[in-house]
């Protein structure tokens, strides 16, 4: 099940979100940015939704704050205010996937979260594949070094190692 974190200072928005999506997603909600960070540390969150206008920190500032420690979750900014500067900041600083207007359309938001999850899972699969390829490359490089050393010991090669070139 898709794990979604929703940060908003308005409790009624969190309640409505949980009620609307609890059957579709594993929903985590909080009004506190510090609690949101703790949830990110303890849960495998795929999608983060944050309200833009909050008393202690903006959604863009929150995303900017967590990007270093939590680069993988897909970020979405939710706001009832049409603030173009916030949109630009969100894209440039907070690395958001989508900008969502309040009030949200339930079916549309469901699809957006599902799309964000697909991106998250594709990124994770790419990262896993990259790690496997690097391990394979390192193993092949080590093996080629061992073969060259064995050939040198037998005096069967004129090369100086796996990176030398014959002229």
Foldseek 3Di string as FASTA:
>chain_A
DAEEEEEALDPVVLVVVCVLCVVPYVYHYDPDLVVSVVCVVVDVHAAYEYEQDDDPHGLLRSLLVCCVVPVQHAYEYEYQDPDVVSVVSCVVRNVHDYYAYPPGDSVVVSVVSVVSNVVSVVVVVVVVVVVVVVVVVVVVQVVQQVVVVVCVVVVNDDDDGDPDDDD
